[in-house]
N, C-alpha and C. Protein backbone atom coordinates (compact mmCIF):
# COMPACT_ATOMS: atom_id res chain seq x y z
N MET A 1 -9.72 32.96 13.44
CA MET A 1 -10.65 31.87 13.11
C MET A 1 -11.61 32.34 12.01
N SER A 2 -11.84 31.44 11.04
CA SER A 2 -12.70 31.81 9.91
C SER A 2 -14.14 31.89 10.36
N THR A 3 -14.82 32.90 9.81
CA THR A 3 -16.24 33.05 10.12
C THR A 3 -17.05 32.15 9.21
N GLU A 4 -18.30 32.00 9.54
CA GLU A 4 -19.19 31.18 8.72
C GLU A 4 -19.31 31.73 7.32
N ALA A 5 -19.26 33.05 7.18
CA ALA A 5 -19.36 33.68 5.86
C ALA A 5 -18.12 33.40 5.02
N GLN A 6 -16.95 33.43 5.68
CA GLN A 6 -15.72 33.14 4.96
C GLN A 6 -15.66 31.68 4.49
N ILE A 7 -16.11 30.78 5.34
CA ILE A 7 -16.14 29.35 4.97
C ILE A 7 -17.05 29.14 3.77
N THR A 8 -18.22 29.81 3.81
CA THR A 8 -19.16 29.68 2.70
C THR A 8 -18.58 30.24 1.42
N ALA A 9 -17.87 31.37 1.53
CA ALA A 9 -17.25 31.99 0.35
C ALA A 9 -16.14 31.11 -0.22
N ASN A 10 -15.35 30.50 0.66
CA ASN A 10 -14.28 29.60 0.20
C ASN A 10 -14.84 28.39 -0.53
N ARG A 11 -15.91 27.85 -0.03
CA ARG A 11 -16.55 26.70 -0.69
C ARG A 11 -17.07 27.09 -2.07
N ALA A 12 -17.63 28.28 -2.16
CA ALA A 12 -18.15 28.75 -3.45
C ALA A 12 -17.02 28.95 -4.44
N ASN A 13 -15.92 29.52 -3.98
CA ASN A 13 -14.78 29.73 -4.87
C ASN A 13 -14.18 28.40 -5.34
N ALA A 14 -14.19 27.40 -4.46
CA ALA A 14 -13.62 26.08 -4.81
C ALA A 14 -14.39 25.45 -5.94
N GLN A 15 -15.68 25.74 -6.02
CA GLN A 15 -16.49 25.16 -7.08
C GLN A 15 -16.10 25.67 -8.45
N HIS A 16 -15.47 26.86 -8.49
CA HIS A 16 -15.07 27.43 -9.77
C HIS A 16 -13.71 26.92 -10.23
N SER A 17 -12.99 26.19 -9.38
CA SER A 17 -11.65 25.67 -9.72
C SER A 17 -11.73 24.15 -9.78
N THR A 18 -12.01 23.62 -10.93
CA THR A 18 -12.19 22.17 -11.10
C THR A 18 -11.03 21.50 -11.81
N GLY A 19 -9.95 22.24 -12.02
CA GLY A 19 -8.79 21.63 -12.65
C GLY A 19 -8.89 21.66 -14.15
N PRO A 20 -7.87 21.12 -14.83
CA PRO A 20 -7.84 21.14 -16.29
C PRO A 20 -8.93 20.28 -16.90
N LYS A 21 -9.41 20.70 -18.06
CA LYS A 21 -10.48 19.99 -18.75
C LYS A 21 -9.96 19.10 -19.86
N SER A 22 -8.95 19.57 -20.62
CA SER A 22 -8.46 18.82 -21.78
C SER A 22 -7.56 17.67 -21.33
N ASP A 23 -7.37 16.68 -22.25
CA ASP A 23 -6.48 15.55 -21.95
C ASP A 23 -5.06 16.03 -21.74
N ALA A 24 -4.61 16.98 -22.57
CA ALA A 24 -3.25 17.49 -22.42
C ALA A 24 -3.07 18.20 -21.09
N GLY A 25 -4.10 18.95 -20.69
CA GLY A 25 -4.03 19.65 -19.41
C GLY A 25 -4.01 18.69 -18.24
N LYS A 26 -4.81 17.63 -18.32
CA LYS A 26 -4.82 16.62 -17.26
C LYS A 26 -3.48 15.91 -17.17
N ALA A 27 -2.89 15.61 -18.33
CA ALA A 27 -1.59 14.93 -18.33
C ALA A 27 -0.52 15.82 -17.71
N ALA A 28 -0.57 17.11 -18.03
CA ALA A 28 0.40 18.04 -17.46
C ALA A 28 0.20 18.18 -15.96
N SER A 29 -1.08 18.21 -15.54
CA SER A 29 -1.38 18.35 -14.13
C SER A 29 -0.87 17.15 -13.33
N CYS A 30 -0.96 15.96 -13.91
CA CYS A 30 -0.51 14.75 -13.23
C CYS A 30 0.98 14.80 -12.94
N GLN A 31 1.71 15.59 -13.74
CA GLN A 31 3.16 15.62 -13.58
C GLN A 31 3.64 16.90 -12.89
N ASN A 32 2.70 17.65 -12.29
CA ASN A 32 3.10 18.88 -11.64
C ASN A 32 4.09 18.65 -10.51
N ASN A 33 3.91 17.53 -9.78
CA ASN A 33 4.76 17.24 -8.63
C ASN A 33 5.97 16.38 -8.98
N LEU A 34 6.15 16.03 -10.26
CA LEU A 34 7.28 15.20 -10.67
C LEU A 34 8.49 16.09 -10.94
N ARG A 35 9.54 15.89 -10.17
CA ARG A 35 10.77 16.64 -10.42
C ARG A 35 11.66 15.91 -11.41
N HIS A 36 11.75 14.59 -11.24
CA HIS A 36 12.63 13.80 -12.11
C HIS A 36 12.03 12.46 -12.50
N GLY A 37 10.94 12.02 -11.85
CA GLY A 37 10.25 10.80 -12.25
C GLY A 37 10.98 9.50 -11.96
N PHE A 38 11.87 9.50 -10.95
CA PHE A 38 12.60 8.27 -10.64
C PHE A 38 11.91 7.43 -9.57
N THR A 39 10.95 8.01 -8.88
CA THR A 39 10.24 7.28 -7.84
C THR A 39 8.78 7.12 -8.26
N GLY A 40 8.12 6.14 -7.65
CA GLY A 40 6.73 5.89 -7.99
C GLY A 40 6.60 5.10 -9.28
N ALA A 41 5.40 5.14 -9.84
CA ALA A 41 5.13 4.39 -11.07
C ALA A 41 5.92 4.98 -12.24
N PHE A 42 6.34 4.09 -13.13
CA PHE A 42 7.11 4.54 -14.29
C PHE A 42 6.22 5.36 -15.22
N ALA A 43 6.80 6.42 -15.78
CA ALA A 43 6.08 7.24 -16.75
C ALA A 43 7.08 7.94 -17.65
N VAL A 44 6.70 8.12 -18.89
CA VAL A 44 7.48 8.94 -19.81
C VAL A 44 7.08 10.39 -19.56
N LEU A 45 8.04 11.24 -19.21
CA LEU A 45 7.75 12.60 -18.81
C LEU A 45 7.52 13.52 -20.00
N LEU A 46 6.92 14.67 -19.70
CA LEU A 46 6.81 15.71 -20.71
C LEU A 46 8.22 16.14 -21.11
N GLY A 47 8.43 16.30 -22.37
CA GLY A 47 9.77 16.60 -22.87
C GLY A 47 10.48 15.36 -23.37
N GLU A 48 9.99 14.17 -22.96
CA GLU A 48 10.49 12.90 -23.49
C GLU A 48 9.49 12.39 -24.54
N LYS A 49 9.94 11.53 -25.40
CA LYS A 49 9.08 11.05 -26.48
C LYS A 49 8.62 9.62 -26.20
N GLN A 50 7.30 9.47 -26.13
CA GLN A 50 6.73 8.15 -25.87
C GLN A 50 7.12 7.16 -26.97
N GLU A 51 7.18 7.64 -28.22
CA GLU A 51 7.52 6.73 -29.32
C GLU A 51 8.95 6.20 -29.21
N ASN A 52 9.83 6.99 -28.58
CA ASN A 52 11.21 6.51 -28.38
C ASN A 52 11.25 5.37 -27.37
N PHE A 53 10.43 5.51 -26.32
CA PHE A 53 10.36 4.42 -25.34
C PHE A 53 9.75 3.17 -25.98
N GLU A 54 8.69 3.35 -26.75
CA GLU A 54 8.05 2.20 -27.41
C GLU A 54 9.03 1.52 -28.37
N ALA A 55 9.87 2.29 -29.03
CA ALA A 55 10.86 1.71 -29.94
C ALA A 55 11.89 0.91 -29.16
N LEU A 56 12.33 1.44 -28.00
CA LEU A 56 13.26 0.71 -27.15
C LEU A 56 12.67 -0.61 -26.68
N LEU A 57 11.42 -0.56 -26.23
CA LEU A 57 10.74 -1.77 -25.77
C LEU A 57 10.58 -2.78 -26.90
N ALA A 58 10.23 -2.31 -28.09
CA ALA A 58 10.06 -3.21 -29.24
C ALA A 58 11.39 -3.86 -29.61
N ASP A 59 12.47 -3.10 -29.57
CA ASP A 59 13.79 -3.66 -29.90
C ASP A 59 14.19 -4.74 -28.90
N LEU A 60 13.93 -4.50 -27.62
CA LEU A 60 14.27 -5.50 -26.60
C LEU A 60 13.41 -6.76 -26.76
N ARG A 61 12.15 -6.58 -27.11
CA ARG A 61 11.28 -7.74 -27.33
C ARG A 61 11.75 -8.54 -28.54
N THR A 62 12.17 -7.84 -29.58
CA THR A 62 12.67 -8.53 -30.77
C THR A 62 13.95 -9.30 -30.45
N GLU A 63 14.81 -8.70 -29.65
CA GLU A 63 16.08 -9.34 -29.31
C GLU A 63 15.89 -10.57 -28.43
N HIS A 64 15.03 -10.45 -27.41
CA HIS A 64 14.92 -11.51 -26.41
C HIS A 64 13.75 -12.46 -26.64
N GLN A 65 12.80 -12.09 -27.49
CA GLN A 65 11.68 -12.97 -27.84
C GLN A 65 11.03 -13.60 -26.60
N PRO A 66 10.41 -12.82 -25.72
CA PRO A 66 9.80 -13.40 -24.53
C PRO A 66 8.73 -14.42 -24.89
N ALA A 67 8.76 -15.55 -24.16
CA ALA A 67 7.85 -16.66 -24.48
C ALA A 67 6.81 -16.90 -23.39
N SER A 68 6.74 -16.03 -22.38
CA SER A 68 5.76 -16.17 -21.32
C SER A 68 5.46 -14.79 -20.74
N ILE A 69 4.45 -14.74 -19.88
CA ILE A 69 4.11 -13.46 -19.25
C ILE A 69 5.26 -12.97 -18.39
N THR A 70 5.90 -13.88 -17.65
CA THR A 70 7.02 -13.48 -16.79
C THR A 70 8.16 -12.91 -17.62
N GLU A 71 8.49 -13.55 -18.72
CA GLU A 71 9.56 -13.05 -19.56
C GLU A 71 9.19 -11.69 -20.17
N THR A 72 7.93 -11.52 -20.52
CA THR A 72 7.47 -10.24 -21.07
C THR A 72 7.63 -9.12 -20.03
N LEU A 73 7.28 -9.42 -18.78
CA LEU A 73 7.41 -8.42 -17.71
C LEU A 73 8.87 -8.08 -17.45
N LEU A 74 9.74 -9.07 -17.53
CA LEU A 74 11.17 -8.82 -17.32
C LEU A 74 11.74 -7.94 -18.43
N VAL A 75 11.32 -8.19 -19.66
CA VAL A 75 11.78 -7.35 -20.77
C VAL A 75 11.26 -5.93 -20.61
N GLN A 76 10.02 -5.77 -20.16
CA GLN A 76 9.47 -4.44 -19.92
C GLN A 76 10.24 -3.73 -18.81
N LYS A 77 10.60 -4.48 -17.76
CA LYS A 77 11.40 -3.91 -16.68
C LYS A 77 12.76 -3.45 -17.19
N MET A 78 13.35 -4.20 -18.08
CA MET A 78 14.63 -3.80 -18.67
C MET A 78 14.49 -2.49 -19.43
N ALA A 79 13.42 -2.36 -20.21
CA ALA A 79 13.21 -1.14 -20.99
C ALA A 79 13.02 0.07 -20.07
N GLN A 80 12.22 -0.10 -19.02
CA GLN A 80 11.98 1.01 -18.09
C GLN A 80 13.26 1.40 -17.36
N SER A 81 14.02 0.41 -16.91
CA SER A 81 15.25 0.70 -16.18
C SER A 81 16.27 1.41 -17.06
N TRP A 82 16.38 0.96 -18.29
CA TRP A 82 17.32 1.61 -19.20
C TRP A 82 16.88 3.04 -19.52
N TRP A 83 15.58 3.25 -19.64
CA TRP A 83 15.05 4.60 -19.91
C TRP A 83 15.37 5.54 -18.74
N LEU A 84 15.17 5.06 -17.52
CA LEU A 84 15.46 5.89 -16.34
C LEU A 84 16.95 6.13 -16.18
N ARG A 85 17.75 5.14 -16.50
CA ARG A 85 19.21 5.31 -16.46
C ARG A 85 19.64 6.41 -17.43
N THR A 86 19.06 6.38 -18.62
CA THR A 86 19.40 7.41 -19.62
C THR A 86 18.94 8.79 -19.15
N ARG A 87 17.77 8.84 -18.51
CA ARG A 87 17.27 10.11 -17.99
C ARG A 87 18.22 10.67 -16.93
N ALA A 88 18.72 9.79 -16.06
CA ALA A 88 19.64 10.24 -15.01
C ALA A 88 20.93 10.80 -15.61
N LEU A 89 21.41 10.16 -16.66
CA LEU A 89 22.61 10.67 -17.34
C LEU A 89 22.38 12.06 -17.92
N GLN A 90 21.22 12.25 -18.53
CA GLN A 90 20.92 13.54 -19.15
C GLN A 90 20.76 14.63 -18.09
N LEU A 91 20.15 14.29 -16.96
CA LEU A 91 19.95 15.27 -15.90
C LEU A 91 21.26 15.68 -15.23
N GLN A 92 22.24 14.79 -15.30
CA GLN A 92 23.53 15.14 -14.71
C GLN A 92 24.14 16.37 -15.41
N ASP A 93 23.85 16.53 -16.67
CA ASP A 93 24.39 17.68 -17.40
C ASP A 93 23.85 19.00 -16.86
N THR A 94 22.64 18.96 -16.28
CA THR A 94 22.05 20.19 -15.76
C THR A 94 22.68 20.65 -14.46
N CYS A 95 23.51 19.81 -13.87
CA CYS A 95 24.15 20.15 -12.59
C CYS A 95 25.39 21.02 -12.78
N PHE A 96 25.81 21.17 -14.00
CA PHE A 96 27.04 21.92 -14.27
C PHE A 96 26.72 23.28 -14.87
N THR A 97 27.33 24.29 -14.33
CA THR A 97 27.28 25.63 -14.91
C THR A 97 28.71 26.05 -15.24
N GLU A 98 28.85 27.26 -15.72
CA GLU A 98 30.19 27.71 -16.11
C GLU A 98 31.15 27.81 -14.93
N ASP A 99 30.63 28.13 -13.75
CA ASP A 99 31.52 28.34 -12.61
C ASP A 99 31.17 27.55 -11.37
N SER A 100 30.22 26.60 -11.49
CA SER A 100 29.85 25.83 -10.29
C SER A 100 29.25 24.47 -10.68
N VAL A 101 29.17 23.61 -9.65
CA VAL A 101 28.55 22.28 -9.82
C VAL A 101 27.60 22.06 -8.65
N ASP A 102 26.39 21.66 -8.95
CA ASP A 102 25.42 21.34 -7.90
C ASP A 102 25.72 19.92 -7.42
N GLN A 103 26.56 19.83 -6.42
CA GLN A 103 27.03 18.54 -5.95
C GLN A 103 25.89 17.66 -5.43
N LYS A 104 24.96 18.27 -4.75
CA LYS A 104 23.85 17.51 -4.17
C LYS A 104 23.00 16.85 -5.26
N GLN A 105 22.62 17.62 -6.26
CA GLN A 105 21.81 17.07 -7.34
C GLN A 105 22.60 16.07 -8.17
N LEU A 106 23.87 16.36 -8.40
CA LEU A 106 24.71 15.44 -9.17
C LEU A 106 24.82 14.09 -8.48
N ALA A 107 25.02 14.11 -7.16
CA ALA A 107 25.11 12.86 -6.41
C ALA A 107 23.79 12.09 -6.47
N LEU A 108 22.68 12.84 -6.44
CA LEU A 108 21.36 12.20 -6.52
C LEU A 108 21.18 11.51 -7.86
N TYR A 109 21.50 12.19 -8.94
CA TYR A 109 21.33 11.61 -10.27
C TYR A 109 22.29 10.45 -10.51
N LEU A 110 23.48 10.52 -9.92
CA LEU A 110 24.41 9.41 -10.03
C LEU A 110 23.86 8.17 -9.34
N ARG A 111 23.21 8.37 -8.19
CA ARG A 111 22.61 7.23 -7.49
C ARG A 111 21.48 6.61 -8.30
N TYR A 112 20.65 7.48 -8.92
CA TYR A 112 19.57 6.95 -9.76
C TYR A 112 20.11 6.22 -10.98
N GLN A 113 21.19 6.74 -11.54
CA GLN A 113 21.81 6.06 -12.69
C GLN A 113 22.29 4.67 -12.28
N THR A 114 22.99 4.60 -11.15
CA THR A 114 23.52 3.32 -10.68
C THR A 114 22.39 2.34 -10.34
N ALA A 115 21.36 2.85 -9.65
CA ALA A 115 20.25 1.99 -9.24
C ALA A 115 19.53 1.39 -10.44
N ASN A 116 19.29 2.20 -11.45
CA ASN A 116 18.58 1.70 -12.62
C ASN A 116 19.46 0.85 -13.51
N ASP A 117 20.75 1.11 -13.51
CA ASP A 117 21.68 0.25 -14.22
C ASP A 117 21.67 -1.15 -13.62
N ARG A 118 21.67 -1.21 -12.28
CA ARG A 118 21.59 -2.50 -11.59
C ARG A 118 20.25 -3.18 -11.84
N ALA A 119 19.18 -2.40 -11.85
CA ALA A 119 17.84 -2.98 -12.09
C ALA A 119 17.76 -3.59 -13.49
N PHE A 120 18.39 -2.92 -14.46
CA PHE A 120 18.40 -3.44 -15.82
C PHE A 120 19.10 -4.80 -15.87
N HIS A 121 20.29 -4.87 -15.28
CA HIS A 121 21.06 -6.12 -15.33
C HIS A 121 20.43 -7.21 -14.47
N LYS A 122 19.76 -6.82 -13.39
CA LYS A 122 19.06 -7.81 -12.58
C LYS A 122 17.94 -8.46 -13.38
N ALA A 123 17.15 -7.64 -14.07
CA ALA A 123 16.06 -8.18 -14.90
C ALA A 123 16.61 -9.05 -16.01
N LEU A 124 17.73 -8.63 -16.61
CA LEU A 124 18.35 -9.41 -17.67
C LEU A 124 18.82 -10.76 -17.14
N ASN A 125 19.48 -10.76 -15.97
CA ASN A 125 19.97 -12.01 -15.39
C ASN A 125 18.82 -12.94 -15.03
N GLU A 126 17.73 -12.38 -14.52
CA GLU A 126 16.56 -13.21 -14.19
C GLU A 126 15.96 -13.81 -15.46
N LEU A 127 15.95 -13.04 -16.52
CA LEU A 127 15.43 -13.54 -17.80
C LEU A 127 16.30 -14.68 -18.32
N LEU A 128 17.61 -14.50 -18.28
CA LEU A 128 18.53 -15.54 -18.76
C LEU A 128 18.44 -16.79 -17.89
N LYS A 129 18.29 -16.61 -16.58
CA LYS A 129 18.15 -17.76 -15.68
C LYS A 129 16.88 -18.53 -15.98
N LEU A 130 15.79 -17.79 -16.20
CA LEU A 130 14.51 -18.42 -16.53
C LEU A 130 14.61 -19.19 -17.84
N ARG A 131 15.30 -18.60 -18.81
CA ARG A 131 15.49 -19.28 -20.09
C ARG A 131 16.30 -20.57 -19.91
N ALA A 132 17.36 -20.49 -19.09
CA ALA A 132 18.22 -21.66 -18.88
C ALA A 132 17.45 -22.79 -18.20
N GLU A 133 16.61 -22.45 -17.22
CA GLU A 133 15.82 -23.47 -16.54
C GLU A 133 14.83 -24.12 -17.49
N ARG A 134 14.20 -23.30 -18.34
CA ARG A 134 13.25 -23.86 -19.30
C ARG A 134 13.96 -24.76 -20.31
N ARG A 135 15.17 -24.36 -20.69
CA ARG A 135 15.93 -25.16 -21.64
C ARG A 135 16.33 -26.51 -21.03
N LYS A 136 16.63 -26.51 -19.73
CA LYS A 136 16.94 -27.78 -19.07
C LYS A 136 15.76 -28.72 -19.12
N VAL A 137 14.57 -28.18 -18.89
CA VAL A 137 13.36 -29.00 -18.96
C VAL A 137 13.16 -29.53 -20.38
N GLU A 138 13.38 -28.66 -21.36
CA GLU A 138 13.23 -29.08 -22.76
C GLU A 138 14.24 -30.15 -23.12
N ILE A 139 15.49 -29.99 -22.65
CA ILE A 139 16.53 -30.98 -22.94
C ILE A 139 16.18 -32.31 -22.30
N GLY A 140 15.65 -32.26 -21.05
CA GLY A 140 15.24 -33.50 -20.38
C GLY A 140 14.13 -34.20 -21.14
N PHE A 141 13.17 -33.44 -21.64
CA PHE A 141 12.07 -34.03 -22.42
C PHE A 141 12.60 -34.63 -23.72
N GLU A 142 13.50 -33.88 -24.38
CA GLU A 142 14.07 -34.37 -25.64
C GLU A 142 14.87 -35.64 -25.40
N SER A 143 15.59 -35.69 -24.26
CA SER A 143 16.37 -36.88 -23.94
C SER A 143 15.46 -38.09 -23.70
N GLN A 144 14.36 -37.88 -22.97
CA GLN A 144 13.40 -38.95 -22.74
C GLN A 144 12.77 -39.42 -24.05
N GLN A 145 12.48 -38.45 -24.93
CA GLN A 145 11.88 -38.81 -26.21
C GLN A 145 12.86 -39.64 -27.05
N ARG A 146 14.14 -39.22 -27.05
CA ARG A 146 15.14 -40.00 -27.80
C ARG A 146 15.30 -41.40 -27.22
N THR A 147 15.27 -41.51 -25.88
CA THR A 147 15.38 -42.82 -25.23
C THR A 147 14.22 -43.72 -25.62
N ALA A 148 13.01 -43.14 -25.63
CA ALA A 148 11.83 -43.93 -26.00
C ALA A 148 11.91 -44.36 -27.47
N GLU A 149 12.35 -43.46 -28.33
CA GLU A 149 12.49 -43.80 -29.75
C GLU A 149 13.54 -44.88 -29.96
N GLU A 150 14.65 -44.77 -29.21
CA GLU A 150 15.70 -45.79 -29.32
C GLU A 150 15.21 -47.15 -28.83
N HIS A 151 14.42 -47.14 -27.75
CA HIS A 151 13.86 -48.40 -27.23
C HIS A 151 12.92 -49.02 -28.26
N THR A 152 12.09 -48.20 -28.89
CA THR A 152 11.17 -48.70 -29.92
C THR A 152 11.94 -49.27 -31.10
N ARG A 153 13.01 -48.58 -31.48
CA ARG A 153 13.83 -49.05 -32.60
C ARG A 153 14.49 -50.39 -32.28
N ARG A 154 14.99 -50.54 -31.06
CA ARG A 154 15.63 -51.79 -30.67
C ARG A 154 14.64 -52.94 -30.62
N GLN A 155 13.42 -52.63 -30.16
CA GLN A 155 12.38 -53.66 -30.15
C GLN A 155 12.07 -54.13 -31.57
N ALA A 156 11.99 -53.18 -32.50
CA ALA A 156 11.71 -53.53 -33.89
C ALA A 156 12.84 -54.37 -34.48
N VAL A 157 14.09 -54.00 -34.16
CA VAL A 157 15.24 -54.76 -34.65
C VAL A 157 15.23 -56.17 -34.08
N GLU A 158 14.92 -56.29 -32.77
CA GLU A 158 14.89 -57.60 -32.14
C GLU A 158 13.78 -58.47 -32.72
N LYS A 159 12.63 -57.86 -32.97
CA LYS A 159 11.53 -58.62 -33.58
C LYS A 159 11.91 -59.10 -34.97
N ARG A 160 12.56 -58.24 -35.72
CA ARG A 160 12.98 -58.63 -37.06
C ARG A 160 14.03 -59.75 -37.01
N ARG A 161 14.93 -59.64 -36.02
CA ARG A 161 15.95 -60.68 -35.88
C ARG A 161 15.32 -62.03 -35.56
N GLN A 162 14.30 -62.00 -34.67
CA GLN A 162 13.62 -63.24 -34.32
C GLN A 162 12.89 -63.83 -35.53
N GLU A 163 12.26 -62.94 -36.32
CA GLU A 163 11.56 -63.43 -37.51
C GLU A 163 12.54 -64.04 -38.51
N LEU A 164 13.69 -63.42 -38.69
CA LEU A 164 14.70 -63.97 -39.59
C LEU A 164 15.21 -65.32 -39.09
N HIS A 165 15.36 -65.42 -37.76
CA HIS A 165 15.82 -66.69 -37.18
C HIS A 165 14.82 -67.81 -37.46
N ILE A 166 13.51 -67.48 -37.31
CA ILE A 166 12.48 -68.50 -37.56
C ILE A 166 12.52 -68.96 -39.01
N TRP A 167 12.68 -67.99 -39.93
CA TRP A 167 12.71 -68.37 -41.33
C TRP A 167 13.97 -69.15 -41.68
N LYS A 168 15.07 -68.84 -41.03
CA LYS A 168 16.29 -69.63 -41.25
C LYS A 168 16.11 -71.07 -40.77
N VAL A 169 15.44 -71.21 -39.61
CA VAL A 169 15.18 -72.56 -39.10
C VAL A 169 14.27 -73.32 -40.04
N LEU A 170 13.22 -72.65 -40.55
CA LEU A 170 12.31 -73.29 -41.49
C LEU A 170 13.04 -73.71 -42.77
N LEU A 171 13.92 -72.81 -43.23
CA LEU A 171 14.66 -73.13 -44.44
C LEU A 171 15.57 -74.33 -44.23
N ALA A 172 16.23 -74.36 -43.07
CA ALA A 172 17.11 -75.50 -42.77
C ALA A 172 16.32 -76.79 -42.66
N GLU A 173 15.15 -76.73 -42.00
CA GLU A 173 14.32 -77.93 -41.88
C GLU A 173 13.81 -78.38 -43.25
N ALA A 174 13.46 -77.40 -44.08
CA ALA A 174 12.99 -77.75 -45.42
C ALA A 174 14.09 -78.42 -46.23
N GLU A 175 15.32 -77.94 -46.09
CA GLU A 175 16.43 -78.54 -46.81
C GLU A 175 16.67 -79.98 -46.32
N VAL A 176 16.53 -80.17 -45.00
CA VAL A 176 16.69 -81.52 -44.45
C VAL A 176 15.60 -82.44 -45.00
N ASP A 177 14.37 -81.95 -45.01
CA ASP A 177 13.26 -82.75 -45.53
C ASP A 177 13.49 -83.10 -46.99
N GLN A 178 14.02 -82.12 -47.74
CA GLN A 178 14.26 -82.36 -49.15
C GLN A 178 15.30 -83.45 -49.36
N ARG A 179 16.35 -83.38 -48.52
CA ARG A 179 17.39 -84.41 -48.67
C ARG A 179 16.86 -85.79 -48.28
N VAL A 180 16.01 -85.83 -47.23
CA VAL A 180 15.42 -87.12 -46.82
C VAL A 180 14.58 -87.69 -47.93
N LEU A 181 13.78 -86.84 -48.56
CA LEU A 181 12.93 -87.30 -49.65
C LEU A 181 13.75 -87.82 -50.83
N MET A 182 14.83 -87.07 -51.09
CA MET A 182 15.67 -87.51 -52.21
C MET A 182 16.34 -88.85 -51.89
N ASN A 183 16.75 -89.01 -50.64
CA ASN A 183 17.39 -90.28 -50.26
C ASN A 183 16.42 -91.44 -50.32
N LEU A 184 15.16 -91.14 -49.98
CA LEU A 184 14.15 -92.20 -50.03
C LEU A 184 13.55 -92.35 -51.42
N ASN A 185 14.00 -91.47 -52.32
CA ASN A 185 13.51 -91.49 -53.70
C ASN A 185 11.99 -91.33 -53.75
N LEU A 186 11.53 -90.40 -52.82
CA LEU A 186 10.10 -90.13 -52.81
C LEU A 186 9.89 -88.77 -53.47
N GLN A 187 9.70 -88.76 -54.74
CA GLN A 187 9.59 -87.52 -55.50
C GLN A 187 8.20 -87.30 -56.07
N THR A 188 7.19 -88.01 -55.56
CA THR A 188 5.84 -87.81 -56.07
C THR A 188 5.31 -86.47 -55.55
N PRO A 189 4.40 -85.84 -56.27
CA PRO A 189 3.83 -84.54 -55.82
C PRO A 189 3.22 -84.62 -54.43
N GLU A 190 2.60 -85.80 -54.08
CA GLU A 190 1.96 -85.91 -52.79
C GLU A 190 2.97 -85.77 -51.66
N HIS A 191 4.15 -86.38 -51.79
CA HIS A 191 5.17 -86.29 -50.75
C HIS A 191 5.78 -84.89 -50.67
N ARG A 192 5.97 -84.21 -51.79
CA ARG A 192 6.58 -82.87 -51.77
C ARG A 192 5.67 -81.87 -51.07
N ILE A 193 4.38 -82.07 -51.16
CA ILE A 193 3.44 -81.13 -50.56
C ILE A 193 3.26 -81.42 -49.08
N SER A 194 3.37 -82.68 -48.66
CA SER A 194 2.98 -83.06 -47.30
C SER A 194 3.97 -82.64 -46.23
N VAL A 195 5.23 -82.32 -46.56
CA VAL A 195 6.22 -82.09 -45.51
C VAL A 195 6.52 -80.61 -45.30
N GLY A 196 7.02 -79.94 -46.33
CA GLY A 196 7.50 -78.56 -46.18
C GLY A 196 6.43 -77.54 -45.80
N PRO A 197 5.33 -77.41 -46.52
CA PRO A 197 4.34 -76.36 -46.26
C PRO A 197 3.76 -76.40 -44.86
N GLU A 198 3.62 -77.58 -44.27
CA GLU A 198 3.04 -77.65 -42.93
C GLU A 198 3.91 -76.92 -41.93
N ARG A 199 5.22 -77.08 -42.06
CA ARG A 199 6.13 -76.39 -41.13
C ARG A 199 6.11 -74.88 -41.37
N ILE A 200 6.00 -74.47 -42.61
CA ILE A 200 5.95 -73.05 -42.92
C ILE A 200 4.71 -72.41 -42.33
N ILE A 201 3.57 -73.10 -42.46
CA ILE A 201 2.31 -72.58 -41.91
C ILE A 201 2.40 -72.50 -40.39
N ALA A 202 2.96 -73.54 -39.78
CA ALA A 202 3.09 -73.54 -38.33
C ALA A 202 4.00 -72.42 -37.86
N ALA A 203 5.06 -72.14 -38.58
CA ALA A 203 5.99 -71.05 -38.22
C ALA A 203 5.34 -69.70 -38.38
N GLN A 204 4.52 -69.54 -39.41
CA GLN A 204 3.81 -68.27 -39.60
C GLN A 204 2.86 -68.00 -38.45
N LYS A 205 2.19 -69.04 -37.96
CA LYS A 205 1.28 -68.87 -36.82
C LYS A 205 2.07 -68.50 -35.56
N ALA A 206 3.24 -69.10 -35.39
CA ALA A 206 4.07 -68.81 -34.21
C ALA A 206 4.58 -67.39 -34.24
N ALA A 207 4.91 -66.88 -35.44
CA ALA A 207 5.42 -65.51 -35.55
C ALA A 207 4.33 -64.51 -35.24
């Protein structure tokens, strides 16, 4: 059992060990317990290049053009899964020596490769499904818009047809009036003005 003096000495010694001070030291310390980085939160490990991961993510964003937060997260999941899959493939090479194979580690890395390969395709399929559903909504809206535009166009055509019909009727009535006047030999200016224009004015008000 520790004495009171030993406990006090241990506490004093602990004060002198405060961990790494620099950013690089802290980053290295965070990864002390990481053997392969396949579990827990995703991270680019020491020995891997962060810029390579960023380039992979940028390429996937350029290819898939995410249009929402959900799509952006799915593309990020694809990048992370593919990165881990590639890591598992590279680690498999370390299982082989000139005269032996570490079967246990190889099987582990094969499982991680398969799991992340599936995760990549799952995220891709979810992204494509989300895109297809959004496209259906867009197609439905476009169809409704075309229907409304077609209805408006038909209304305009029908209105124009009715207006043409009214003018044809007016023209026919005017021709009849003209023939009546000619038959009655009423060609004075007063008679020519009194019949035709009144019907035209009345038709304009009706239209």
